[in-house]
């Protein structure tokens, strides 16, 4: 792994997958890296392309952690994913929603359901503060700002890893979810 290679930790992958709504089958992971998110999404029909820019079609959901270097590339990937699905769950730098009025407006107009604050130590050695954006096309409610179940005050990896919420299991017949 090089100094610019930050793979999504498995416990963060589990948290992101827990945000996938019931009824989803076809999922895009546009920048799979070593496959941590792809592995966490194993119960879905996942597309994980070698070259995201060759992808076409529609997906029930997109779950992603695009590259942040250069930052512009991650923003381009996010923008394209908002065209490919009505449900996007993206691990992004906080800068995504605080350093561009247009980008923030575009995300909110799409439908920003929640922003989950992640501890600074999620990516060892990284200097970028991250969050998970949960987006759903047409959502017009109040955006929730959350700290995950493992809390932002804990810094020991084991504490974080052991307190992640369990993924929900969807009941296709009733449309309900259970943990």
C-alpha atoms as a PDB file:
ATOM      1  CA  UNK A   1       0.000   0.000   0.000  1.00  0.00           C
ATOM      2  CA  UNK A   2       1.405   3.419  -0.890  1.00  0.00           C
ATOM      3  CA  UNK A   3       0.970   6.590   1.168  1.00  0.00           C
ATOM      4  CA  UNK A   4      -1.954   7.701  -1.008  1.00  0.00           C
ATOM      5  CA  UNK A   5      -3.813   4.382  -0.843  1.00  0.00           C
ATOM      6  CA  UNK A   6      -6.521   4.523   1.819  1.00  0.00           C
ATOM      7  CA  UNK A   7      -8.789   1.478   1.710  1.00  0.00           C
ATOM      8  CA  UNK A   8     -12.117   1.543   3.542  1.00  0.00           C
ATOM      9  CA  UNK A   9     -11.743  -0.256   6.901  1.00  0.00           C
ATOM     10  CA  UNK A  10     -14.099  -3.259   7.223  1.00  0.00           C
ATOM     11  CA  UNK A  11     -16.021  -1.772  10.186  1.00  0.00           C
ATOM     12  CA  UNK A  12     -16.732   1.378   8.138  1.00  0.00           C
ATOM     13  CA  UNK A  13     -17.803  -0.824   5.200  1.00  0.00           C
ATOM     14  CA  UNK A  14     -20.305  -2.544   7.521  1.00  0.00           C
ATOM     15  CA  UNK A  15     -21.649   0.825   8.656  1.00  0.00           C
ATOM     16  CA  UNK A  16     -22.060   1.976   5.049  1.00  0.00           C
ATOM     17  CA  UNK A  17     -23.799  -1.259   4.021  1.00  0.00           C
ATOM     18  CA  UNK A  18     -26.217  -0.872   6.968  1.00  0.00           C
ATOM     19  CA  UNK A  19     -27.478   2.301   5.224  1.00  0.00           C
ATOM     20  CA  UNK A  20     -28.518   0.460   2.042  1.00  0.00           C
ATOM     21  CA  UNK A  21     -32.332   0.514   1.939  1.00  0.00           C
ATOM     22  CA  UNK A  22     -34.543  -2.574   1.670  1.00  0.00           C
ATOM     23  CA  UNK A  23     -35.396  -3.682  -1.836  1.00  0.00           C
ATOM     24  CA  UNK A  24     -31.956  -2.985  -3.284  1.00  0.00           C
ATOM     25  CA  UNK A  25     -30.400  -5.672  -5.464  1.00  0.00           C
ATOM     26  CA  UNK A  26     -28.079  -4.095  -8.057  1.00  0.00           C
ATOM     27  CA  UNK A  27     -25.254  -2.075  -6.436  1.00  0.00           C
ATOM     28  CA  UNK A  28     -22.367  -0.167  -7.982  1.00  0.00           C
ATOM     29  CA  UNK A  29     -19.047   0.210  -6.153  1.00  0.00           C
ATOM     30  CA  UNK A  30     -17.343   2.500  -8.672  1.00  0.00           C
ATOM     31  CA  UNK A  31     -13.805   2.446  -7.256  1.00  0.00           C
ATOM     32  CA  UNK A  32     -13.349  -0.948  -5.567  1.00  0.00           C
ATOM     33  CA  UNK A  33      -9.683  -0.701  -4.571  1.00  0.00           C
ATOM     34  CA  UNK A  34      -8.787  -3.927  -2.768  1.00  0.00           C
ATOM     35  CA  UNK A  35     -12.470  -4.870  -2.469  1.00  0.00           C
ATOM     36  CA  UNK A  36     -13.358  -4.167   1.174  1.00  0.00           C
ATOM     37  CA  UNK A  37     -16.701  -2.568   0.248  1.00  0.00           C
ATOM     38  CA  UNK A  38     -17.357  -5.227  -2.389  1.00  0.00           C
ATOM     39  CA  UNK A  39     -16.866  -7.939   0.270  1.00  0.00           C
ATOM     40  CA  UNK A  40     -19.207  -6.151   2.680  1.00  0.00           C
ATOM     41  CA  UNK A  41     -21.816  -5.905  -0.099  1.00  0.00           C
ATOM     42  CA  UNK A  42     -21.690  -9.669  -0.759  1.00  0.00           C
ATOM     43  CA  UNK A  43     -25.455 -10.201  -0.405  1.00  0.00           C
ATOM     44  CA  UNK A  44     -26.080  -7.853  -3.362  1.00  0.00           C
ATOM     45  CA  UNK A  45     -25.432  -8.083  -7.100  1.00  0.00           C
ATOM     46  CA  UNK A  46     -22.341  -5.826  -7.144  1.00  0.00           C
ATOM     47  CA  UNK A  47     -20.681  -4.197 -10.120  1.00  0.00           C
ATOM     48  CA  UNK A  48     -17.064  -3.234  -9.308  1.00  0.00           C
ATOM     49  CA  UNK A  49     -15.487  -2.065 -12.560  1.00  0.00           C
ATOM     50  CA  UNK A  50     -11.783  -1.813 -13.311  1.00  0.00           C
ATOM     51  CA  UNK A  51     -12.555   1.516 -15.030  1.00  0.00           C
ATOM     52  CA  UNK A  52     -15.516   3.428 -13.597  1.00  0.00           C
ATOM     53  CA  UNK A  53     -15.735   5.733 -16.611  1.00  0.00           C
ATOM     54  CA  UNK A  54     -16.788   2.736 -18.764  1.00  0.00           C
ATOM     55  CA  UNK A  55     -19.872   2.104 -16.572  1.00  0.00           C
ATOM     56  CA  UNK A  56     -23.356   2.747 -17.920  1.00  0.00           C
ATOM     57  CA  UNK A  57     -26.903   1.856 -16.941  1.00  0.00           C
ATOM     58  CA  UNK A  58     -28.822   2.351 -13.713  1.00  0.00           C
ATOM     59  CA  UNK A  59     -28.232   0.871 -10.267  1.00  0.00           C
ATOM     60  CA  UNK A  60     -30.496   0.435  -7.245  1.00  0.00           C
ATOM     61  CA  UNK A  61     -27.724   1.933  -5.100  1.00  0.00           C
ATOM     62  CA  UNK A  62     -24.150   3.170  -5.205  1.00  0.00           C
ATOM     63  CA  UNK A  63     -21.883   2.552  -2.214  1.00  0.00           C
ATOM     64  CA  UNK A  64     -18.479   4.169  -2.564  1.00  0.00           C
ATOM     65  CA  UNK A  65     -15.253   5.591  -1.194  1.00  0.00           C
ATOM     66  CA  UNK A  66     -13.754   7.347  -4.214  1.00  0.00           C
ATOM     67  CA  UNK A  67     -10.148   8.494  -4.317  1.00  0.00           C
ATOM     68  CA  UNK A  68      -9.578  11.897  -2.685  1.00  0.00           C
ATOM     69  CA  UNK A  69      -6.347  12.605  -4.530  1.00  0.00           C
ATOM     70  CA  UNK A  70      -6.810  14.612  -6.551  1.00  0.00           C
ATOM     71  CA  UNK A  71      -9.918  15.803  -4.718  1.00  0.00           C
ATOM     72  CA  UNK A  72     -11.459  16.949  -8.007  1.00  0.00           C
ATOM     73  CA  UNK A  73     -11.565  13.317  -9.222  1.00  0.00           C
ATOM     74  CA  UNK A  74     -13.578  12.184  -6.188  1.00  0.00           C
ATOM     75  CA  UNK A  75     -16.059  15.007  -6.804  1.00  0.00           C
ATOM     76  CA  UNK A  76     -16.377  14.021 -10.488  1.00  0.00           C
ATOM     77  CA  UNK A  77     -17.079  10.406  -9.510  1.00  0.00           C
ATOM     78  CA  UNK A  78     -19.699  11.489  -6.945  1.00  0.00           C
ATOM     79  CA  UNK A  79     -21.399  13.733  -9.496  1.00  0.00           C
ATOM     80  CA  UNK A  80     -21.555  10.913 -12.063  1.00  0.00           C
ATOM     81  CA  UNK A  81     -22.887   8.439  -9.470  1.00  0.00           C
ATOM     82  CA  UNK A  82     -25.767  10.807  -8.681  1.00  0.00           C
ATOM     83  CA  UNK A  83     -26.808  10.257 -12.321  1.00  0.00           C
ATOM     84  CA  UNK A  84     -26.560   6.457 -12.104  1.00  0.00           C
ATOM     85  CA  UNK A  85     -28.710   5.813  -9.028  1.00  0.00           C
ATOM     86  CA  UNK A  86     -31.424   7.251  -6.796  1.00  0.00           C
ATOM     87  CA  UNK A  87     -29.551   6.033  -3.694  1.00  0.00           C
ATOM     88  CA  UNK A  88     -25.914   6.974  -3.074  1.00  0.00           C
ATOM     89  CA  UNK A  89     -23.912   6.238   0.067  1.00  0.00           C
ATOM     90  CA  UNK A  90     -20.518   7.900  -0.180  1.00  0.00           C
ATOM     91  CA  UNK A  91     -17.561   8.164   2.147  1.00  0.00           C
ATOM     92  CA  UNK A  92     -16.240  11.635   1.330  1.00  0.00           C
ATOM     93  CA  UNK A  93     -14.122  14.395   2.831  1.00  0.00           C
ATOM     94  CA  UNK A  94     -16.089  16.946   4.880  1.00  0.00           C
ATOM     95  CA  UNK A  95     -14.833  19.452   2.312  1.00  0.00           C
ATOM     96  CA  UNK A  96     -17.364  17.956  -0.105  1.00  0.00           C
ATOM     97  CA  UNK A  97     -20.175  19.788   1.660  1.00  0.00           C
ATOM     98  CA  UNK A  98     -18.367  22.780   3.126  1.00  0.00           C
ATOM     99  CA  UNK A  99     -16.087  24.232   0.457  1.00  0.00           C
ATOM    100  CA  UNK A 100     -18.454  24.689  -2.500  1.00  0.00           C
ATOM    101  CA  UNK A 101     -21.873  26.307  -2.370  1.00  0.00           C
ATOM    102  CA  UNK A 102     -22.756  24.769  -5.750  1.00  0.00           C
ATOM    103  CA  UNK A 103     -21.724  21.230  -4.761  1.00  0.00           C
ATOM    104  CA  UNK A 104     -23.567  21.500  -1.425  1.00  0.00           C
ATOM    105  CA  UNK A 105     -26.635  22.793  -3.246  1.00  0.00           C
ATOM    106  CA  UNK A 106     -26.445  19.959  -5.807  1.00  0.00           C
ATOM    107  CA  UNK A 107     -26.199  17.334  -3.045  1.00  0.00           C
ATOM    108  CA  UNK A 108     -29.054  18.866  -1.026  1.00  0.00           C
ATOM    109  CA  UNK A 109     -31.208  19.230  -4.162  1.00  0.00           C
ATOM    110  CA  UNK A 110     -30.598  15.533  -4.918  1.00  0.00           C
ATOM    111  CA  UNK A 111     -31.652  14.634  -1.350  1.00  0.00           C
ATOM    112  CA  UNK A 112     -29.234  14.534   1.598  1.00  0.00           C
ATOM    113  CA  UNK A 113     -30.708  12.162   4.193  1.00  0.00           C
ATOM    114  CA  UNK A 114     -27.826  12.106   6.660  1.00  0.00           C
ATOM    115  CA  UNK A 115     -24.201  13.026   7.262  1.00  0.00           C
ATOM    116  CA  UNK A 116     -22.304  10.664   9.543  1.00  0.00           C
ATOM    117  CA  UNK A 117     -19.211  12.167  11.128  1.00  0.00           C
ATOM    118  CA  UNK A 118     -16.248   9.781  11.210  1.00  0.00           C
ATOM    119  CA  UNK A 119     -13.364   9.921  13.687  1.00  0.00           C
ATOM    120  CA  UNK A 120     -10.172  11.428  12.300  1.00  0.00           C
ATOM    121  CA  UNK A 121      -8.298   8.152  12.857  1.00  0.00           C
ATOM    122  CA  UNK A 122     -10.427   6.095  10.440  1.00  0.00           C
ATOM    123  CA  UNK A 123      -7.611   6.370   7.886  1.00  0.00           C
ATOM    124  CA  UNK A 124      -4.279   6.175   9.705  1.00  0.00           C
ATOM    125  CA  UNK A 125      -1.898   8.795   8.382  1.00  0.00           C
ATOM    126  CA  UNK A 126      -4.548  10.717   6.445  1.00  0.00           C
ATOM    127  CA  UNK A 127      -5.013  14.408   7.059  1.00  0.00           C
ATOM    128  CA  UNK A 128      -8.538  14.540   5.642  1.00  0.00           C
ATOM    129  CA  UNK A 129     -11.573  14.568   7.944  1.00  0.00           C
ATOM    130  CA  UNK A 130     -14.238  12.269   6.477  1.00  0.00           C
ATOM    131  CA  UNK A 131     -17.971  11.683   6.659  1.00  0.00           C
ATOM    132  CA  UNK A 132     -20.522   9.356   5.103  1.00  0.00           C
ATOM    133  CA  UNK A 133     -23.142  11.066   2.960  1.00  0.00           C
ATOM    134  CA  UNK A 134     -26.412   9.147   2.709  1.00  0.00           C
ATOM    135  CA  UNK A 135     -28.331  10.490  -0.295  1.00  0.00           C
ATOM    136  CA  UNK A 136     -31.710   9.590  -1.725  1.00  0.00           C
ATOM    137  CA  UNK A 137     -33.118  11.291  -4.829  1.00  0.00           C
ATOM    138  CA  UNK A 138     -36.137  13.396  -3.923  1.00  0.00           C
ATOM    139  CA  UNK A 139     -35.593  13.352  -0.145  1.00  0.00           C
ATOM    140  CA  UNK A 140     -36.960  16.644   1.200  1.00  0.00           C
ATOM    141  CA  UNK A 141     -36.883  16.019   4.947  1.00  0.00           C
ATOM    142  CA  UNK A 142     -34.445  17.404   7.483  1.00  0.00           C
ATOM    143  CA  UNK A 143     -30.888  16.140   7.041  1.00  0.00           C
ATOM    144  CA  UNK A 144     -29.650  14.313  10.139  1.00  0.00           C
ATOM    145  CA  UNK A 145     -26.102  14.863  11.361  1.00  0.00           C
ATOM    146  CA  UNK A 146     -24.922  11.811  13.280  1.00  0.00           C
ATOM    147  CA  UNK A 147     -21.966  10.408  15.129  1.00  0.00           C
ATOM    148  CA  UNK A 148     -21.825   6.635  14.584  1.00  0.00           C
ATOM    149  CA  UNK A 149     -22.580   4.111  17.313  1.00  0.00           C
ATOM    150  CA  UNK A 150     -18.875   3.705  18.027  1.00  0.00           C
ATOM    151  CA  UNK A 151     -18.654   7.400  18.978  1.00  0.00           C
ATOM    152  CA  UNK A 152     -16.141  10.024  17.975  1.00  0.00           C
ATOM    153  CA  UNK A 153     -14.399  10.154  21.372  1.00  0.00           C
ATOM    154  CA  UNK A 154     -13.039   6.590  21.211  1.00  0.00           C
ATOM    155  CA  UNK A 155      -9.695   6.313  19.512  1.00  0.00           C
ATOM    156  CA  UNK A 156      -8.706   2.672  19.978  1.00  0.00           C
ATOM    157  CA  UNK A 157      -9.322   0.699  16.782  1.00  0.00           C
ATOM    158  CA  UNK A 158     -10.655  -2.312  18.687  1.00  0.00           C
ATOM    159  CA  UNK A 159     -13.242  -0.169  20.448  1.00  0.00           C
ATOM    160  CA  UNK A 160     -14.395   1.232  17.122  1.00  0.00           C
ATOM    161  CA  UNK A 161     -14.438  -2.101  15.372  1.00  0.00           C
ATOM    162  CA  UNK A 162     -16.376  -3.889  18.111  1.00  0.00           C
ATOM    163  CA  UNK A 163     -19.180  -1.325  18.418  1.00  0.00           C
ATOM    164  CA  UNK A 164     -20.363  -0.963  14.831  1.00  0.00           C
ATOM    165  CA  UNK A 165     -24.094  -1.355  14.297  1.00  0.00           C
ATOM    166  CA  UNK A 166     -25.127  -4.720  12.914  1.00  0.00           C
ATOM    167  CA  UNK A 167     -26.345  -4.611   9.305  1.00  0.00           C
ATOM    168  CA  UNK A 168     -30.089  -4.770   8.889  1.00  0.00           C
ATOM    169  CA  UNK A 169     -31.789  -7.701   7.201  1.00  0.00           C
ATOM    170  CA  UNK A 170     -34.645  -6.862   4.855  1.00  0.00           C
ATOM    171  CA  UNK A 171     -37.855  -8.845   4.780  1.00  0.00           C
ATOM    172  CA  UNK A 172     -38.836  -8.747   1.100  1.00  0.00           C
ATOM    173  CA  UNK A 173     -42.452  -9.725   1.771  1.00  0.00           C
ATOM    174  CA  UNK A 174     -43.238  -7.114   4.400  1.00  0.00           C
ATOM    175  CA  UNK A 175     -40.736  -4.447   3.309  1.00  0.00           C
ATOM    176  CA  UNK A 176     -39.474  -4.125   6.890  1.00  0.00           C
ATOM    177  CA  UNK A 177     -35.941  -4.259   8.201  1.00  0.00           C
ATOM    178  CA  UNK A 178     -34.591  -5.867  11.343  1.00  0.00           C
ATOM    179  CA  UNK A 179     -31.179  -5.674  12.975  1.00  0.00           C
END
